[in-house]
Amino acid sequence: MKKIKESFSLSNRGMRMVALSPFYALSLLPYRVLYILSDCIYIILYYIVGYRREVVRKNMRRSFPEKNEHEMKTLERKFYRWLSDYFVETLKMMSVSDSTFLKHVRFEGAEELEKCFDRGQHCAAMLGHYGNWELLSATDLAFGRWSKHAADNGSDGKRKPAVCGLIYHPLHNRFFDVLFIEIRQALRGVCIPKKDILRRLVEYRREGQMTLFGYIADQSPKWVNIHLWLNFLGQETPVFTGAERIIRKMNNAVFYVDAERPRRGQYVFTFKPITLNPAEMEQDEITRRYFEMLEESIRRDPALYLWSHDRWKRTREEYERLFSVENGRIVPKEN
């Protein structure tokens, strides 16, 4: 069985297309049919499987202790309905046209990023697992003169289009890793593994291409990567600082991406500046401001956050019991 898995590496384009064809076929369904499918997924996830329900409830209760049981149940059901929609909305990206996509997604504030490109400054976007973050792979559609579409149609023969994409952590399951890469790149997004991002940013700069890459910065870091604790949703929370370090090194203008969902099938993504000059901000201030803005988004519409992620599985008490900091490095304590 292991040999079969190794031979089916999905490295060949033809093999990938065959393997992914059922998902592509589903993506051809119109939105209204996909949302009927989502209703079925919701029943399965929430009522039959109970997908990560204990984690969801624990996270919600700790984040909103003021809510009563009825309010918590209502929020819980809204979250699972949105999560089911997330699956079909993401799948739809495999085949959706630019024009249809823009009937469902609106970008605001992109002109501020284009001003940065005009003066030769690269940009970074910080976002969370809030709203459908996968849709931001299509940020090229937010641009006018800096879009790939404009370059392909010769609006400015001297200008290279801005490269837009997401930094991602490869999934352990190779099949689903390939599936999500295909989805994210279907609308001209570029996927770069986080271990390669700094090198690739330098390469793009040397090639004279402006860049906008999204950092999904609200994951739970491993023990050895914990360098900062913040109060997030009323809880002491270990946070990643790697995105800020890269942003400072590259002197990127930094934007927070706020997400709103006015109704089912409609998203508005707004680019809100954190700073245009990272050097002017105190150490860790970019990260702090990002988490403040993310919390504002979550409190406005908490059903759109990914509560099924075990965000607070590592505590300050356990960290201090197991590890110490020596010369800036986190090392296990000797028993």
Protein backbone atom coordinates (compact mmCIF):
# COMPACT_ATOMS: atom_id res chain seq x y z
CA MET A 1 0.00 0.00 0.00
CA LYS A 2 2.87 2.36 0.83
CA LYS A 3 4.43 1.81 -2.59
CA ILE A 4 1.12 2.58 -4.26
CA LYS A 5 0.86 5.84 -2.35
CA GLU A 6 4.42 6.80 -3.23
CA SER A 7 3.91 6.08 -6.92
CA PHE A 8 0.72 8.16 -6.90
CA SER A 9 2.72 11.28 -6.09
CA LEU A 10 0.39 13.67 -7.92
CA SER A 11 3.49 15.34 -9.36
CA ASN A 12 2.30 14.68 -12.92
CA ARG A 13 -0.21 17.27 -14.15
CA GLY A 14 -2.33 14.68 -15.93
CA MET A 15 -2.59 12.48 -12.85
CA ARG A 16 -3.56 15.48 -10.73
CA MET A 17 -6.37 16.40 -13.10
CA VAL A 18 -7.74 12.88 -13.11
CA ALA A 19 -7.61 12.65 -9.32
CA LEU A 20 -9.20 16.06 -8.84
CA SER A 21 -11.81 15.77 -11.59
CA PRO A 22 -14.70 14.82 -9.24
CA PHE A 23 -14.09 18.02 -7.25
CA TYR A 24 -13.85 20.06 -10.43
CA ALA A 25 -17.14 18.57 -11.65
CA LEU A 26 -18.83 19.57 -8.39
CA SER A 27 -17.42 23.08 -8.72
CA LEU A 28 -19.31 23.48 -12.01
CA LEU A 29 -22.62 23.43 -10.15
CA PRO A 30 -24.24 26.87 -9.77
CA TYR A 31 -24.00 28.60 -6.41
CA ARG A 32 -27.65 27.95 -5.53
CA VAL A 33 -27.15 24.19 -5.94
CA LEU A 34 -23.88 24.27 -4.00
CA TYR A 35 -25.65 25.98 -1.11
CA ILE A 36 -28.25 23.19 -1.08
CA LEU A 37 -25.30 20.80 -0.83
CA SER A 38 -23.96 22.94 2.00
CA ASP A 39 -27.24 22.55 3.89
CA CYS A 40 -26.75 18.79 3.72
CA ILE A 41 -23.13 19.09 4.87
CA TYR A 42 -24.31 21.17 7.83
CA ILE A 43 -26.69 18.44 8.99
CA ILE A 44 -23.91 15.86 8.73
CA LEU A 45 -21.27 17.97 10.49
CA TYR A 46 -23.45 19.29 13.28
CA TYR A 47 -26.13 16.70 14.00
CA ILE A 48 -24.61 13.40 12.85
CA VAL A 49 -20.82 13.61 13.15
CA GLY A 50 -20.60 16.42 15.68
CA TYR A 51 -17.37 17.59 14.05
CA ARG A 52 -15.03 18.95 16.75
CA ARG A 53 -18.06 20.10 18.70
CA GLU A 54 -16.32 19.97 22.09
CA VAL A 55 -13.46 22.14 20.83
CA VAL A 56 -15.93 24.61 19.31
CA ARG A 57 -17.96 24.86 22.52
CA LYS A 58 -14.89 25.23 24.71
CA ASN A 59 -13.48 28.01 22.55
CA MET A 60 -16.77 29.88 22.34
CA ARG A 61 -17.49 29.65 26.07
CA ARG A 62 -14.04 30.96 26.97
CA SER A 63 -14.27 33.78 24.45
CA PHE A 64 -17.82 34.87 25.30
CA PRO A 65 -18.47 34.08 28.99
CA GLU A 66 -21.22 36.72 29.02
CA LYS A 67 -23.43 34.75 26.59
CA ASN A 68 -26.17 32.52 27.98
CA GLU A 69 -26.80 28.94 26.86
CA HIS A 70 -29.38 29.89 24.22
CA GLU A 71 -27.05 32.48 22.71
CA MET A 72 -24.20 29.98 22.65
CA LYS A 73 -26.31 27.35 20.88
CA THR A 74 -27.43 29.91 18.31
CA LEU A 75 -23.83 30.98 17.66
CA GLU A 76 -22.72 27.37 17.45
CA ARG A 77 -25.29 26.55 14.77
CA LYS A 78 -24.45 29.70 12.80
CA PHE A 79 -20.79 28.72 12.85
CA TYR A 80 -21.46 25.23 11.47
CA ARG A 81 -23.69 26.67 8.76
CA TRP A 82 -20.94 29.08 7.76
CA LEU A 83 -18.31 26.31 7.89
CA SER A 84 -20.42 24.21 5.51
CA ASP A 85 -20.71 27.19 3.17
CA TYR A 86 -16.94 27.67 3.39
CA PHE A 87 -16.39 24.21 1.89
CA VAL A 88 -18.61 24.75 -1.16
CA GLU A 89 -17.53 28.36 -1.70
CA THR A 90 -13.91 27.26 -1.72
CA LEU A 91 -14.63 24.37 -4.06
CA LYS A 92 -16.37 26.74 -6.48
CA MET A 93 -13.10 28.58 -7.01
CA MET A 94 -11.82 25.71 -9.15
CA SER A 95 -13.99 26.71 -12.10
CA VAL A 96 -15.65 30.06 -11.41
CA SER A 97 -15.12 32.84 -13.96
CA ASP A 98 -13.73 36.24 -12.97
CA SER A 99 -17.04 37.97 -13.69
CA THR A 100 -19.10 35.49 -11.66
CA PHE A 101 -16.64 35.61 -8.78
CA LEU A 102 -16.89 39.39 -8.62
CA LYS A 103 -20.68 39.14 -8.32
CA HIS A 104 -20.09 37.40 -4.98
CA VAL A 105 -16.92 39.07 -3.70
CA ARG A 106 -16.08 42.76 -3.43
CA PHE A 107 -12.68 44.21 -2.55
CA GLU A 108 -12.32 47.61 -0.91
CA GLY A 109 -9.21 49.64 -0.19
CA ALA A 110 -7.13 48.02 -2.95
CA GLU A 111 -6.31 51.45 -4.37
CA GLU A 112 -4.11 52.03 -1.31
CA LEU A 113 -2.05 48.97 -2.18
CA GLU A 114 -1.70 50.17 -5.77
CA LYS A 115 -0.37 53.50 -4.48
CA CYS A 116 2.30 51.54 -2.62
CA PHE A 117 3.18 49.66 -5.82
CA ASP A 118 3.36 52.97 -7.71
CA ARG A 119 6.08 54.22 -5.38
CA GLY A 120 7.93 50.90 -5.43
CA GLN A 121 6.86 49.51 -2.05
CA HIS A 122 5.85 45.89 -1.69
CA CYS A 123 2.88 44.97 0.50
CA ALA A 124 1.87 42.35 3.03
CA ALA A 125 -1.64 41.44 4.15
CA MET A 126 -2.33 39.99 7.59
CA LEU A 127 -5.53 37.99 7.92
CA GLY A 128 -7.07 35.43 10.19
CA HIS A 129 -9.17 32.31 9.82
CA TYR A 130 -12.15 34.60 9.55
CA GLY A 131 -14.67 34.82 6.74
CA ASN A 132 -13.64 32.74 3.77
CA TRP A 133 -9.93 33.53 3.67
CA GLU A 134 -9.46 31.21 0.67
CA LEU A 135 -11.25 33.76 -1.52
CA LEU A 136 -8.35 36.14 -1.01
CA SER A 137 -6.32 33.97 -3.38
CA ALA A 138 -8.15 35.95 -6.07
CA THR A 139 -6.90 39.34 -4.89
CA ASP A 140 -5.47 39.99 -8.37
CA LEU A 141 -9.07 40.78 -9.32
CA ALA A 142 -9.05 43.67 -6.85
CA PHE A 143 -6.46 45.57 -8.87
CA GLY A 144 -6.75 47.75 -11.94
CA ARG A 145 -3.51 48.70 -13.64
CA TRP A 146 -1.43 46.32 -11.49
CA SER A 147 -3.52 43.21 -12.24
CA LYS A 148 -2.41 40.33 -14.42
CA HIS A 149 -5.52 40.93 -16.53
CA ALA A 150 -4.35 44.49 -17.30
CA ALA A 151 -0.87 43.25 -18.18
CA ASP A 152 -2.22 40.50 -20.44
CA ASN A 153 -4.32 43.03 -22.32
CA GLY A 154 -1.41 45.38 -22.86
CA SER A 155 -2.66 48.34 -20.85
CA ASP A 156 0.94 49.02 -19.86
CA GLY A 157 3.53 47.00 -21.72
CA LYS A 158 6.36 48.04 -19.38
CA ARG A 159 4.67 47.12 -16.12
CA LYS A 160 4.86 43.62 -14.72
CA PRO A 161 1.69 42.63 -12.84
CA ALA A 162 1.84 42.43 -9.07
CA VAL A 163 2.21 38.91 -7.73
CA CYS A 164 -0.58 38.08 -5.26
CA GLY A 165 -0.77 34.99 -3.14
CA LEU A 166 -0.94 33.23 0.20
CA ILE A 167 1.75 31.73 2.40
CA TYR A 168 0.67 28.30 3.52
CA HIS A 169 1.72 25.37 5.66
CA PRO A 170 1.66 22.18 3.52
CA LEU A 171 -0.97 19.67 4.66
CA HIS A 172 0.12 16.26 5.84
CA ASN A 173 -2.34 14.62 3.45
CA ARG A 174 -0.70 15.00 0.04
CA PHE A 175 -3.96 14.67 -1.90
CA PHE A 176 -5.73 17.49 -0.05
CA ASP A 177 -2.57 19.58 -0.14
CA VAL A 178 -2.60 19.37 -3.95
CA LEU A 179 -6.36 20.02 -4.04
CA PHE A 180 -6.06 23.24 -2.06
CA ILE A 181 -3.10 24.44 -4.11
CA GLU A 182 -5.14 23.94 -7.29
CA ILE A 183 -8.06 25.83 -5.75
CA ARG A 184 -5.91 28.71 -4.52
CA GLN A 185 -4.11 29.09 -7.83
CA ALA A 186 -7.21 28.80 -10.03
CA LEU A 187 -7.76 32.59 -9.96
CA ARG A 188 -4.10 33.53 -10.41
CA GLY A 189 -3.10 33.31 -6.77
CA VAL A 190 0.40 32.06 -5.96
CA CYS A 191 0.92 29.57 -3.14
CA ILE A 192 4.29 29.55 -1.40
CA PRO A 193 5.21 27.27 1.53
CA LYS A 194 6.12 29.34 4.57
CA LYS A 195 9.67 27.95 4.68
CA ASP A 196 10.31 29.41 1.20
CA ILE A 197 8.62 32.79 1.46
CA LEU A 198 11.60 34.98 2.35
CA ARG A 199 13.70 33.58 -0.49
CA ARG A 200 10.85 34.00 -2.98
CA LEU A 201 10.16 37.58 -1.89
CA VAL A 202 13.81 38.45 -2.52
CA GLU A 203 13.60 36.77 -5.95
CA TYR A 204 10.50 38.73 -6.93
CA ARG A 205 12.18 41.95 -5.84
CA ARG A 206 15.23 41.20 -7.98
CA GLU A 207 12.94 40.46 -10.93
CA GLY A 208 11.20 43.82 -10.52
CA GLN A 209 7.79 42.41 -9.62
CA MET A 210 5.70 44.02 -6.91
CA THR A 211 4.21 41.59 -4.40
CA LEU A 212 1.26 41.20 -2.06
CA PHE A 213 1.27 38.07 0.08
CA GLY A 214 -1.19 37.14 2.78
CA TYR A 215 -0.04 35.90 6.19
CA ILE A 216 -2.66 33.90 8.08
CA ALA A 217 -1.16 34.76 11.43
CA ASP A 218 -3.60 33.44 14.06
CA GLN A 219 -2.47 29.81 14.22
CA SER A 220 -1.26 28.27 17.46
CA PRO A 221 2.58 28.19 17.39
CA LYS A 222 4.62 25.22 18.50
CA TRP A 223 6.24 25.48 21.91
CA VAL A 224 9.66 26.43 20.54
CA ASN A 225 8.15 29.19 18.39
CA ILE A 226 6.38 31.01 21.21
CA HIS A 227 7.98 34.43 21.69
CA LEU A 228 4.94 36.55 22.54
CA TRP A 229 1.76 36.18 24.59
CA LEU A 230 -1.22 38.49 24.05
CA ASN A 231 -4.70 38.88 25.45
CA PHE A 232 -6.91 37.72 22.59
CA LEU A 233 -10.66 37.27 23.09
CA GLY A 234 -10.14 37.52 26.85
CA GLN A 235 -7.56 34.74 26.98
CA GLU A 236 -3.79 34.73 27.30
CA THR A 237 -2.73 33.52 23.88
CA PRO A 238 0.62 32.48 22.36
CA VAL A 239 1.04 34.09 18.94
CA PHE A 240 3.32 33.86 15.92
CA THR A 241 5.74 36.73 15.37
CA GLY A 242 7.36 35.33 12.22
CA ALA A 243 5.14 37.34 9.87
CA GLU A 244 6.17 40.59 11.51
CA ARG A 245 9.86 39.67 11.30
CA ILE A 246 9.58 39.05 7.55
CA ILE A 247 7.54 42.21 7.02
CA ARG A 248 10.16 44.29 8.82
CA LYS A 249 13.02 42.69 6.92
CA MET A 250 11.31 43.42 3.58
CA ASN A 251 10.01 46.87 4.68
CA ASN A 252 6.52 45.99 3.44
CA ALA A 253 3.49 48.21 3.82
CA VAL A 254 1.18 46.17 6.06
CA PHE A 255 -2.59 45.86 5.73
CA TYR A 256 -5.15 44.00 7.80
CA VAL A 257 -7.83 42.30 5.72
CA ASP A 258 -11.24 42.69 7.30
CA ALA A 259 -14.01 40.38 6.12
CA GLU A 260 -17.77 40.95 6.13
CA ARG A 261 -20.56 38.72 4.90
CA PRO A 262 -23.67 40.88 4.36
CA ARG A 263 -25.64 37.81 3.31
CA ARG A 264 -25.11 34.26 2.14
CA GLY A 265 -22.95 34.15 -0.97
CA GLN A 266 -21.66 37.71 -0.57
CA TYR A 267 -18.32 38.82 0.92
CA VAL A 268 -16.64 42.18 1.29
CA PHE A 269 -12.89 42.24 1.95
CA THR A 270 -11.43 45.56 3.06
CA PHE A 271 -7.70 46.31 3.17
CA LYS A 272 -7.05 48.45 6.25
CA PRO A 273 -3.54 49.86 6.77
CA ILE A 274 -1.63 48.84 9.89
CA THR A 275 1.48 50.77 8.88
CA LEU A 276 3.23 51.93 5.72
CA ASN A 277 6.55 52.12 7.57
CA PRO A 278 7.23 49.10 9.82
CA ALA A 279 10.46 50.65 11.13
CA GLU A 280 8.43 53.36 12.87
CA MET A 281 6.56 50.85 15.03
CA GLU A 282 7.82 49.29 18.24
CA GLN A 283 8.86 45.64 18.23
CA ASP A 284 5.80 43.33 18.17
CA GLU A 285 3.45 46.30 17.68
CA ILE A 286 2.41 45.12 14.20
CA THR A 287 1.43 41.76 15.66
CA ARG A 288 -0.41 43.40 18.55
CA ARG A 289 -2.34 45.71 16.25
CA TYR A 290 -3.22 42.81 13.95
CA PHE A 291 -4.74 40.81 16.80
CA GLU A 292 -6.68 43.85 18.03
CA MET A 293 -8.19 44.33 14.57
CA LEU A 294 -8.94 40.61 14.21
CA GLU A 295 -10.73 40.60 17.57
CA GLU A 296 -12.83 43.58 16.46
CA SER A 297 -13.89 41.61 13.39
CA ILE A 298 -14.71 38.50 15.39
CA ARG A 299 -16.78 40.35 17.98
CA ARG A 300 -18.76 42.01 15.19
CA ASP A 301 -19.76 38.65 13.66
CA PRO A 302 -18.33 35.72 15.67
CA ALA A 303 -19.94 32.98 13.54
CA LEU A 304 -17.36 33.64 10.80
CA TYR A 305 -14.33 32.61 12.89
CA LEU A 306 -12.80 29.13 12.72
CA TRP A 307 -13.79 27.94 16.20
CA SER A 308 -13.00 24.31 15.36
CA HIS A 309 -9.26 25.06 15.57
CA ASP A 310 -7.87 24.26 19.04
CA ARG A 311 -6.44 27.76 19.35
CA TRP A 312 -5.78 27.76 23.10
CA LYS A 313 -4.38 24.26 23.60
CA ARG A 314 -1.09 25.65 24.95
CA THR A 315 -1.15 27.59 28.21
CA ARG A 316 1.30 30.01 29.80
CA GLU A 317 1.50 27.84 32.94
CA GLU A 318 2.48 24.73 30.99
CA TYR A 319 4.94 26.72 28.91
CA GLU A 320 6.73 28.09 31.98
CA ARG A 321 6.77 24.65 33.60
CA LEU A 322 8.30 22.90 30.58
CA PHE A 323 10.54 25.51 28.94
CA SER A 324 13.00 28.29 29.65
CA VAL A 325 14.56 31.01 27.51
CA GLU A 326 18.35 30.88 27.13
CA ASN A 327 20.11 33.47 24.95
CA GLY A 328 16.86 34.17 23.12
CA ARG A 329 16.20 30.46 22.42
CA ILE A 330 13.41 28.38 23.92
CA VAL A 331 14.78 25.15 25.39
CA PRO A 332 13.17 22.35 27.41
CA LYS A 333 13.86 22.38 31.12
CA GLU A 334 15.81 19.49 32.50
CA ASN A 335 13.80 17.16 34.72
